[in-house]
Amino acid sequence: MVYNRTLSMQSILFPPKCLICGAPGEEGLDLCSDCRDDLPLNHVACPVCASPLASQTSATTSCRHCQQEPPPFERSLSPYLFTDMISRLVGRFKFNGELYCGELLSQLLYQEIEASRYEMPDLIIPVPLHASRLRERGFNQALELARPLAKGFSIKLDHSTLQRIKATPHQIGLHRNERRRNVKGAFEIRGKIKADHVALVDDVITTGSTLREIAGVLKRSGVSRIDVWALAKTPTHN
């Protein structure tokens, strides 16, 4: 892959260094093997919403919430739990503006998607920020994760047709129903989504309320199939 060759050249020019402990990085990543082994994996998860399941659960069994109220997306891949090292790396990336942490997180997500051998989508759409939040933060973390994925998999990236039109309060601390009310009507399609199969990209899935709202908007616009790619899932539904 061109993406992998590019990473190899970067490793030669700028030797990788672990962003967690400072040791030399390995396999072209700014992460050492010991720290990588300590990353909190989302081993057994609902194939629809990526919520962690009991270890004895079948990999094809969806969780109780998805059985009772299936979301408008078909599948989610979220390889890590939002705890420990992952939560610290996401915090440095998202709230401290350490974009090199985002580069590492995108590389990790890329490798997990590649290993999954899932059918690739026609289009990648990052979850948008409202203009006011974008000005405040200076970048959209979902877009920063999505760009390398689009390049690596040679899939078109659309970060303008789906827009967040409502400046909602922060979701932190809100429960499921509160989150759903918070994002109701917050997104709009301005133009046309030219794809049947779309992957939505975000950093963390909490209750999935934002993704449900977006997927509903995309389905109503004519998209047939929606996958979710996110780096991490919170350990509980909330």
Protein backbone atom coordinates (compact mmCIF):
# COMPACT_ATOMS: atom_id res chain seq x y z
CA MET A 1 0.00 0.00 0.00
CA VAL A 2 1.19 3.54 -0.78
CA TYR A 3 0.18 4.57 2.72
CA ASN A 4 2.47 1.96 4.29
CA ARG A 5 5.41 2.95 2.07
CA THR A 6 4.94 6.59 3.08
CA LEU A 7 5.02 5.60 6.75
CA SER A 8 8.24 3.64 6.14
CA MET A 9 9.96 6.70 4.64
CA GLN A 10 8.83 8.84 7.55
CA SER A 11 10.25 6.28 9.98
CA ILE A 12 13.66 6.54 8.32
CA LEU A 13 13.72 10.33 8.34
CA PHE A 14 12.10 10.75 11.75
CA PRO A 15 12.62 7.66 13.94
CA PRO A 16 9.43 6.92 15.89
CA LYS A 17 9.30 7.61 19.61
CA CYS A 18 6.62 6.27 21.94
CA LEU A 19 4.19 9.03 22.85
CA ILE A 20 3.37 7.30 26.12
CA CYS A 21 6.71 6.36 27.68
CA GLY A 22 9.32 7.95 25.40
CA ALA A 23 10.97 4.66 24.38
CA PRO A 24 11.81 4.05 20.69
CA GLY A 25 8.69 3.35 18.67
CA GLU A 26 8.23 0.14 16.74
CA GLU A 27 6.68 -0.87 13.39
CA GLY A 28 6.78 2.73 12.22
CA LEU A 29 4.50 3.91 15.03
CA ASP A 30 5.12 6.45 17.79
CA LEU A 31 4.38 3.62 20.20
CA CYS A 32 6.61 0.95 21.72
CA SER A 33 5.60 -2.71 21.84
CA ASP A 34 5.15 -2.72 25.63
CA CYS A 35 2.76 0.23 25.58
CA ARG A 36 0.91 -1.20 22.61
CA ASP A 37 0.39 -4.44 24.53
CA ASP A 38 -1.15 -2.37 27.33
CA LEU A 39 -3.73 -0.61 25.14
CA PRO A 40 -7.28 -1.44 26.32
CA LEU A 41 -8.75 -3.59 23.56
CA ASN A 42 -12.47 -3.86 22.88
CA HIS A 43 -12.09 -7.62 22.35
CA VAL A 44 -15.70 -8.84 22.35
CA ALA A 45 -18.17 -6.23 21.16
CA CYS A 46 -21.60 -5.85 19.63
CA PRO A 47 -21.06 -5.92 15.84
CA VAL A 48 -23.69 -3.20 15.40
CA CYS A 49 -22.84 -0.55 18.03
CA ALA A 50 -19.42 -1.79 19.31
CA SER A 51 -20.55 -1.92 22.95
CA PRO A 52 -18.43 -4.36 25.01
CA LEU A 53 -20.09 -7.72 25.62
CA ALA A 54 -19.44 -10.61 28.00
CA SER A 55 -16.40 -12.61 26.95
CA GLN A 56 -18.43 -15.73 26.18
CA THR A 57 -20.76 -13.89 23.77
CA SER A 58 -20.67 -14.83 20.09
CA ALA A 59 -18.99 -12.28 17.82
CA THR A 60 -22.14 -12.21 15.66
CA THR A 61 -24.56 -11.51 18.53
CA SER A 62 -25.81 -7.94 18.83
CA CYS A 63 -26.39 -6.37 22.24
CA ARG A 64 -29.74 -6.04 23.98
CA HIS A 65 -30.06 -2.34 23.07
CA CYS A 66 -29.52 -3.00 19.35
CA GLN A 67 -31.95 -5.93 19.40
CA GLN A 68 -34.63 -3.80 21.05
CA GLU A 69 -34.00 -0.65 19.02
CA PRO A 70 -31.78 -1.29 15.97
CA PRO A 71 -29.83 1.83 14.95
CA PRO A 72 -29.91 3.16 11.38
CA PHE A 73 -26.32 2.02 10.81
CA GLU A 74 -25.41 -1.57 10.03
CA ARG A 75 -22.06 -2.13 11.70
CA SER A 76 -19.48 -0.51 13.96
CA LEU A 77 -15.77 -1.10 14.35
CA SER A 78 -14.27 0.44 17.47
CA PRO A 79 -11.16 -1.53 18.44
CA TYR A 80 -10.27 0.11 21.78
CA LEU A 81 -11.97 0.95 25.04
CA PHE A 82 -12.00 4.60 26.08
CA THR A 83 -9.95 4.04 29.21
CA ASP A 84 -6.35 4.30 30.38
CA MET A 85 -3.82 5.10 27.65
CA ILE A 86 -6.39 5.58 24.90
CA SER A 87 -8.36 8.18 26.85
CA ARG A 88 -5.15 10.06 27.65
CA LEU A 89 -4.00 10.03 24.01
CA VAL A 90 -7.43 11.17 22.81
CA GLY A 91 -7.44 13.95 25.41
CA ARG A 92 -4.01 15.19 24.32
CA PHE A 93 -5.14 15.12 20.70
CA LYS A 94 -8.63 16.54 21.08
CA PHE A 95 -8.27 19.09 23.87
CA ASN A 96 -4.55 19.96 23.87
CA GLY A 97 -4.17 20.17 20.08
CA GLU A 98 -1.38 17.57 19.97
CA LEU A 99 -2.10 16.51 16.39
CA TYR A 100 0.75 13.98 16.35
CA CYS A 101 -1.31 11.97 18.86
CA GLY A 102 -4.11 12.02 16.30
CA GLU A 103 -1.71 10.69 13.66
CA LEU A 104 -0.85 7.73 15.87
CA LEU A 105 -4.51 7.06 16.70
CA SER A 106 -5.45 7.15 13.02
CA GLN A 107 -2.66 4.70 12.21
CA LEU A 108 -3.91 2.31 14.89
CA LEU A 109 -7.48 2.57 13.58
CA TYR A 110 -6.26 2.03 10.01
CA GLN A 111 -4.48 -1.19 10.99
CA GLU A 112 -7.56 -2.54 12.76
CA ILE A 113 -9.84 -1.74 9.81
CA GLU A 114 -7.38 -3.35 7.40
CA ALA A 115 -7.15 -6.47 9.57
CA SER A 116 -10.94 -6.75 9.79
CA ARG A 117 -11.25 -7.43 6.04
CA TYR A 118 -14.64 -5.75 6.02
CA GLU A 119 -16.12 -4.61 2.75
CA MET A 120 -14.83 -1.11 2.07
CA PRO A 121 -17.32 1.78 1.72
CA ASP A 122 -17.67 4.07 -1.29
CA LEU A 123 -17.24 7.20 0.81
CA ILE A 124 -15.84 8.30 4.19
CA ILE A 125 -17.63 11.04 6.14
CA PRO A 126 -16.15 12.44 9.38
CA VAL A 127 -18.63 13.52 12.05
CA PRO A 128 -18.77 17.32 11.61
CA LEU A 129 -18.34 19.99 14.25
CA HIS A 130 -20.50 23.09 14.41
CA ALA A 131 -18.70 26.19 13.11
CA SER A 132 -18.51 27.69 16.60
CA ARG A 133 -16.89 24.56 18.07
CA LEU A 134 -14.51 24.37 15.11
CA ARG A 135 -13.37 27.95 15.74
CA GLU A 136 -12.92 27.18 19.42
CA ARG A 137 -10.89 23.99 18.88
CA GLY A 138 -9.15 24.93 15.64
CA PHE A 139 -9.65 21.53 14.01
CA ASN A 140 -12.15 18.69 13.72
CA GLN A 141 -10.71 15.61 15.41
CA ALA A 142 -12.90 13.28 13.33
CA LEU A 143 -11.60 14.82 10.11
CA GLU A 144 -8.00 14.49 11.28
CA LEU A 145 -8.62 10.78 11.90
CA ALA A 146 -10.48 10.33 8.61
CA ARG A 147 -7.97 11.93 6.23
CA PRO A 148 -5.26 9.25 6.59
CA LEU A 149 -7.92 6.51 6.38
CA ALA A 150 -9.24 7.90 3.11
CA LYS A 151 -5.72 8.18 1.73
CA GLY A 152 -4.65 4.75 2.93
CA PHE A 153 -7.68 2.93 1.57
CA SER A 154 -8.00 5.16 -1.54
CA ILE A 155 -11.58 6.08 -0.65
CA LYS A 156 -13.13 9.46 -1.35
CA LEU A 157 -13.53 11.77 1.65
CA ASP A 158 -16.50 14.12 1.97
CA HIS A 159 -16.27 16.63 4.85
CA SER A 160 -18.62 19.32 3.57
CA THR A 161 -21.96 17.84 2.47
CA LEU A 162 -22.97 16.74 5.96
CA GLN A 163 -23.06 19.76 8.25
CA ARG A 164 -23.78 20.37 11.89
CA ILE A 165 -26.29 23.20 11.92
CA LYS A 166 -27.08 23.32 15.64
CA ALA A 167 -24.52 24.29 18.28
CA THR A 168 -25.41 21.75 20.94
CA PRO A 169 -23.97 21.78 24.47
CA HIS A 170 -21.20 19.32 25.34
CA GLN A 171 -22.45 15.74 25.67
CA ILE A 172 -20.13 14.94 28.58
CA GLY A 173 -22.11 13.82 31.62
CA LEU A 174 -25.41 13.41 29.76
CA HIS A 175 -27.29 10.12 29.76
CA ARG A 176 -28.69 8.36 26.69
CA ASN A 177 -32.05 10.13 26.42
CA GLU A 178 -30.50 13.52 27.18
CA ARG A 179 -27.90 12.98 24.47
CA ARG A 180 -30.58 12.07 21.93
CA ARG A 181 -32.57 15.21 22.70
CA ASN A 182 -29.36 17.23 22.55
CA VAL A 183 -28.50 16.20 18.96
CA LYS A 184 -32.04 16.03 17.55
CA GLY A 185 -32.10 18.08 14.34
CA ALA A 186 -28.44 19.03 14.70
CA PHE A 187 -27.32 17.74 11.28
CA GLU A 188 -28.28 18.51 7.70
CA ILE A 189 -27.30 17.37 4.22
CA ARG A 190 -26.43 20.30 1.98
CA GLY A 191 -26.02 18.86 -1.49
CA LYS A 192 -26.05 15.19 -2.43
CA ILE A 193 -24.23 12.21 -0.93
CA LYS A 194 -22.92 10.36 -3.99
CA ALA A 195 -22.51 6.94 -2.43
CA ASP A 196 -24.58 3.91 -1.45
CA HIS A 197 -22.19 2.66 1.24
CA VAL A 198 -20.73 5.20 3.67
CA ALA A 199 -18.37 4.95 6.66
CA LEU A 200 -18.86 7.53 9.43
CA VAL A 201 -15.64 8.33 11.30
CA ASP A 202 -15.46 9.63 14.87
CA ASP A 203 -12.99 9.46 17.74
CA VAL A 204 -15.11 7.97 20.54
CA ILE A 205 -18.52 6.29 20.71
CA THR A 206 -20.34 6.88 23.99
CA THR A 207 -24.06 6.09 23.69
CA GLY A 208 -24.05 6.39 19.90
CA SER A 209 -26.74 9.10 19.94
CA THR A 210 -24.84 11.40 17.58
CA LEU A 211 -24.14 8.55 15.17
CA ARG A 212 -27.79 7.45 15.25
CA GLU A 213 -28.93 10.97 14.41
CA ILE A 214 -26.44 11.32 11.55
CA ALA A 215 -27.16 7.86 10.17
CA GLY A 216 -30.87 8.65 10.13
CA VAL A 217 -30.20 11.82 8.13
CA LEU A 218 -27.99 9.90 5.69
CA LYS A 219 -30.54 7.11 5.26
CA ARG A 220 -33.27 9.64 4.50
CA SER A 221 -30.98 11.18 1.88
CA GLY A 222 -30.72 7.85 0.05
CA VAL A 223 -27.63 6.15 1.52
CA SER A 224 -28.26 2.39 1.67
CA ARG A 225 -25.59 1.19 4.10
CA ILE A 226 -23.71 2.92 6.89
CA ASP A 227 -20.72 1.65 8.85
CA VAL A 228 -19.17 3.38 11.84
CA TRP A 229 -15.41 3.57 12.29
CA ALA A 230 -14.35 4.97 15.65
CA LEU A 231 -11.16 4.60 17.59
CA ALA A 232 -12.70 3.80 20.99
CA LYS A 233 -15.91 2.89 22.76
CA THR A 234 -16.77 3.85 26.31
CA PRO A 235 -17.06 0.74 28.51
CA THR A 236 -20.78 1.19 29.23
CA HIS A 237 -23.92 2.28 27.37
CA ASN A 238 -24.64 5.03 29.93
